[in-house]
Structure formats: C-alpha cells, structure tokens
Amino acid sequence: MPGCASDPRGTYLLRQAGVPAGFLRRLTGLPARIMDHLLIWQERAAERIHLASLDDQRLKDMGLTRAQADVEARKPFWRA
C-alpha cells in the first residue's frame, strides 16, 4: 500500500475509507488525552496524600483548616 508506511499516525486506511479529517484528528489525539488524564490523576492523588500529612501549622500557613484539608484529601483522584 503506497503511503501507508509514511503515515506516522497510521490513519491511511481510515482516510481511504472516507472517514472525515476531524474525526481522524480526534481519534489520533485520543492516546495523548488518555495519558494526560492519567498523569493529572496521579499528580492529584499524590498532592492529596501530601495534604493529608501536613501538620496544623503548615495548613494554617496555607490558609486552610484541618477540616478543609480533610475534605480535599478524601476526594477521589478523578474529582477536581
């Protein structure tokens, strides 16, 4: 198949089938968006673990109460 090896995103067959270009851009960007979400979730979980470990003085320096920190730390990683 000519052009197949030179297509870095592997969308040659989809283009041949008449799939719209906008759909192809969204489809090829999907792995990057998934990776972005995974990295955000991992960072959020680590930050919440760290927040839960802070002492009251550090929380006060940040302008947070223990209750506010506990509410934030108990949120699941997927929730902003």
N, C-alpha and C. Protein backbone atom coordinates (compact mmCIF):
# COMPACT_ATOMS: atom_id res chain seq x y z
N MET A 1 0.83 -1.18 0.00
CA MET A 1 0.00 0.00 0.00
C MET A 1 0.87 1.24 0.00
N PRO A 2 0.85 2.01 -1.03
CA PRO A 2 1.65 3.22 -1.05
C PRO A 2 1.12 4.22 -0.03
N GLY A 3 2.04 4.88 0.65
CA GLY A 3 1.66 5.91 1.61
C GLY A 3 1.41 5.39 3.01
N CYS A 4 1.23 4.10 3.15
CA CYS A 4 0.92 3.54 4.46
C CYS A 4 2.10 3.67 5.41
N ALA A 5 3.31 3.37 4.94
CA ALA A 5 4.48 3.42 5.81
C ALA A 5 4.86 4.86 6.15
N SER A 6 4.51 5.82 5.28
CA SER A 6 4.91 7.20 5.54
C SER A 6 3.90 7.94 6.41
N ASP A 7 2.77 7.34 6.71
CA ASP A 7 1.75 7.98 7.53
C ASP A 7 2.08 7.72 9.00
N PRO A 8 2.61 8.73 9.73
CA PRO A 8 3.07 8.49 11.10
C PRO A 8 1.96 8.14 12.07
N ARG A 9 0.73 8.50 11.77
CA ARG A 9 -0.35 8.20 12.71
C ARG A 9 -1.12 6.94 12.34
N GLY A 10 -0.73 6.31 11.26
CA GLY A 10 -1.39 5.06 10.87
C GLY A 10 -2.84 5.25 10.46
N THR A 11 -3.17 6.38 9.87
CA THR A 11 -4.56 6.66 9.50
C THR A 11 -4.83 6.44 8.02
N TYR A 12 -3.90 5.82 7.32
CA TYR A 12 -4.03 5.63 5.88
C TYR A 12 -5.32 4.90 5.51
N LEU A 13 -5.59 3.78 6.18
CA LEU A 13 -6.78 3.00 5.84
C LEU A 13 -8.06 3.77 6.14
N LEU A 14 -8.06 4.52 7.22
CA LEU A 14 -9.24 5.30 7.55
C LEU A 14 -9.48 6.39 6.52
N ARG A 15 -8.40 7.01 6.05
CA ARG A 15 -8.57 8.04 5.02
C ARG A 15 -9.08 7.43 3.73
N GLN A 16 -8.61 6.24 3.41
CA GLN A 16 -9.06 5.57 2.20
C GLN A 16 -10.55 5.22 2.29
N ALA A 17 -11.03 4.97 3.49
CA ALA A 17 -12.44 4.61 3.68
C ALA A 17 -13.35 5.84 3.70
N GLY A 18 -12.79 7.03 3.56
CA GLY A 18 -13.59 8.24 3.51
C GLY A 18 -13.98 8.79 4.88
N VAL A 19 -13.23 8.46 5.89
CA VAL A 19 -13.52 8.97 7.23
C VAL A 19 -13.14 10.45 7.27
N PRO A 20 -14.00 11.32 7.82
CA PRO A 20 -13.72 12.76 7.85
C PRO A 20 -12.44 13.09 8.62
N ALA A 21 -11.74 14.13 8.17
CA ALA A 21 -10.44 14.51 8.77
C ALA A 21 -10.60 14.90 10.23
N GLY A 22 -11.68 15.59 10.61
CA GLY A 22 -11.87 15.99 12.00
C GLY A 22 -11.95 14.78 12.92
N PHE A 23 -12.61 13.75 12.45
CA PHE A 23 -12.69 12.52 13.23
C PHE A 23 -11.32 11.90 13.40
N LEU A 24 -10.52 11.94 12.33
CA LEU A 24 -9.17 11.38 12.40
C LEU A 24 -8.31 12.13 13.41
N ARG A 25 -8.42 13.46 13.44
CA ARG A 25 -7.64 14.24 14.41
C ARG A 25 -8.05 13.88 15.83
N ARG A 26 -9.35 13.73 16.09
CA ARG A 26 -9.81 13.37 17.43
C ARG A 26 -9.36 11.96 17.77
N LEU A 27 -9.42 11.04 16.82
CA LEU A 27 -9.04 9.66 17.07
C LEU A 27 -7.55 9.54 17.37
N THR A 28 -6.72 10.22 16.60
CA THR A 28 -5.28 10.10 16.81
C THR A 28 -4.84 10.85 18.05
N GLY A 29 -5.62 11.82 18.53
CA GLY A 29 -5.28 12.54 19.75
C GLY A 29 -5.73 11.82 21.01
N LEU A 30 -6.52 10.77 20.85
CA LEU A 30 -7.07 10.05 21.99
C LEU A 30 -6.00 9.49 22.93
N PRO A 31 -4.97 8.82 22.44
CA PRO A 31 -3.95 8.30 23.36
C PRO A 31 -3.28 9.41 24.17
N ALA A 32 -3.04 10.55 23.56
CA ALA A 32 -2.42 11.66 24.28
C ALA A 32 -3.36 12.19 25.37
N ARG A 33 -4.65 12.29 25.05
CA ARG A 33 -5.61 12.76 26.06
C ARG A 33 -5.74 11.77 27.21
N ILE A 34 -5.71 10.50 26.90
CA ILE A 34 -5.77 9.48 27.96
C ILE A 34 -4.55 9.59 28.85
N MET A 35 -3.37 9.73 28.26
CA MET A 35 -2.14 9.85 29.04
C MET A 35 -2.18 11.11 29.89
N ASP A 36 -2.67 12.22 29.34
CA ASP A 36 -2.78 13.45 30.12
C ASP A 36 -3.66 13.25 31.35
N HIS A 37 -4.80 12.60 31.15
CA HIS A 37 -5.70 12.36 32.28
C HIS A 37 -5.05 11.46 33.34
N LEU A 38 -4.37 10.43 32.90
CA LEU A 38 -3.70 9.55 33.86
C LEU A 38 -2.65 10.29 34.67
N LEU A 39 -1.89 11.15 34.01
CA LEU A 39 -0.86 11.91 34.71
C LEU A 39 -1.48 12.92 35.69
N ILE A 40 -2.55 13.57 35.27
CA ILE A 40 -3.25 14.51 36.15
C ILE A 40 -3.79 13.78 37.37
N TRP A 41 -4.40 12.63 37.15
CA TRP A 41 -4.96 11.85 38.26
C TRP A 41 -3.86 11.41 39.22
N GLN A 42 -2.73 11.00 38.68
CA GLN A 42 -1.61 10.56 39.53
C GLN A 42 -1.09 11.73 40.37
N GLU A 43 -0.94 12.87 39.75
CA GLU A 43 -0.46 14.05 40.47
C GLU A 43 -1.47 14.48 41.53
N ARG A 44 -2.74 14.46 41.20
CA ARG A 44 -3.79 14.85 42.14
C ARG A 44 -3.81 13.92 43.36
N ALA A 45 -3.67 12.63 43.13
CA ALA A 45 -3.65 11.67 44.23
C ALA A 45 -2.45 11.92 45.14
N ALA A 46 -1.28 12.17 44.56
CA ALA A 46 -0.07 12.42 45.35
C ALA A 46 -0.22 13.71 46.16
N GLU A 47 -0.80 14.75 45.55
CA GLU A 47 -0.99 16.01 46.26
C GLU A 47 -1.94 15.85 47.44
N ARG A 48 -2.98 15.05 47.27
CA ARG A 48 -3.93 14.85 48.35
C ARG A 48 -3.34 14.03 49.49
N ILE A 49 -2.51 13.08 49.16
CA ILE A 49 -1.81 12.33 50.20
C ILE A 49 -0.89 13.27 50.98
N HIS A 50 -0.19 14.12 50.27
CA HIS A 50 0.70 15.07 50.92
C HIS A 50 -0.09 16.06 51.78
N LEU A 51 -1.20 16.56 51.26
CA LEU A 51 -2.04 17.49 52.02
C LEU A 51 -2.51 16.85 53.32
N ALA A 52 -2.90 15.60 53.27
CA ALA A 52 -3.37 14.91 54.47
C ALA A 52 -2.27 14.75 55.51
N SER A 53 -1.01 14.76 55.08
CA SER A 53 0.10 14.54 56.01
C SER A 53 0.60 15.84 56.65
N LEU A 54 0.14 16.99 56.19
CA LEU A 54 0.62 18.26 56.73
C LEU A 54 0.11 18.50 58.14
N ASP A 55 0.96 19.14 58.96
CA ASP A 55 0.52 19.47 60.32
C ASP A 55 -0.34 20.75 60.30
N ASP A 56 -0.96 21.03 61.44
CA ASP A 56 -1.90 22.15 61.52
C ASP A 56 -1.22 23.49 61.24
N GLN A 57 0.02 23.66 61.65
CA GLN A 57 0.72 24.92 61.41
C GLN A 57 0.93 25.16 59.91
N ARG A 58 1.34 24.13 59.21
CA ARG A 58 1.53 24.28 57.75
C ARG A 58 0.20 24.57 57.05
N LEU A 59 -0.86 23.91 57.50
CA LEU A 59 -2.18 24.19 56.92
C LEU A 59 -2.58 25.63 57.19
N LYS A 60 -2.31 26.11 58.40
CA LYS A 60 -2.63 27.49 58.76
C LYS A 60 -1.85 28.45 57.86
N ASP A 61 -0.58 28.14 57.60
CA ASP A 61 0.23 28.97 56.71
C ASP A 61 -0.37 29.05 55.30
N MET A 62 -1.02 27.98 54.91
CA MET A 62 -1.66 27.93 53.58
C MET A 62 -3.06 28.53 53.60
N GLY A 63 -3.56 28.86 54.79
CA GLY A 63 -4.90 29.42 54.89
C GLY A 63 -5.99 28.37 54.91
N LEU A 64 -5.64 27.16 55.33
CA LEU A 64 -6.61 26.07 55.37
C LEU A 64 -6.80 25.58 56.80
N THR A 65 -8.00 25.12 57.09
CA THR A 65 -8.25 24.47 58.36
C THR A 65 -8.05 22.96 58.18
N ARG A 66 -7.94 22.24 59.28
CA ARG A 66 -7.81 20.78 59.21
C ARG A 66 -9.04 20.18 58.53
N ALA A 67 -10.22 20.73 58.83
CA ALA A 67 -11.45 20.21 58.23
C ALA A 67 -11.45 20.40 56.71
N GLN A 68 -11.02 21.56 56.25
CA GLN A 68 -10.95 21.80 54.80
C GLN A 68 -9.95 20.86 54.14
N ALA A 69 -8.82 20.67 54.78
CA ALA A 69 -7.80 19.77 54.23
C ALA A 69 -8.32 18.34 54.18
N ASP A 70 -9.03 17.92 55.22
CA ASP A 70 -9.58 16.56 55.24
C ASP A 70 -10.60 16.35 54.14
N VAL A 71 -11.45 17.34 53.91
CA VAL A 71 -12.45 17.23 52.83
C VAL A 71 -11.74 17.06 51.49
N GLU A 72 -10.73 17.88 51.24
CA GLU A 72 -9.99 17.80 49.97
C GLU A 72 -9.23 16.48 49.85
N ALA A 73 -8.62 16.05 50.93
CA ALA A 73 -7.81 14.83 50.90
C ALA A 73 -8.66 13.58 50.69
N ARG A 74 -9.91 13.63 51.09
CA ARG A 74 -10.78 12.45 50.94
C ARG A 74 -11.43 12.35 49.57
N LYS A 75 -11.31 13.38 48.74
CA LYS A 75 -11.89 13.34 47.40
C LYS A 75 -11.20 12.25 46.58
N PRO A 76 -11.94 11.57 45.74
CA PRO A 76 -11.29 10.61 44.83
C PRO A 76 -10.41 11.34 43.81
N PHE A 77 -9.39 10.67 43.33
CA PHE A 77 -8.42 11.30 42.43
C PHE A 77 -9.04 11.83 41.14
N TRP A 78 -10.14 11.27 40.71
CA TRP A 78 -10.73 11.70 39.44
C TRP A 78 -11.59 12.96 39.60
N ARG A 79 -11.85 13.38 40.82
CA ARG A 79 -12.67 14.56 41.05
C ARG A 79 -11.79 15.77 41.31
N ALA A 80 -12.05 16.86 40.58
CA ALA A 80 -11.26 18.08 40.75
C ALA A 80 -11.61 18.81 42.02
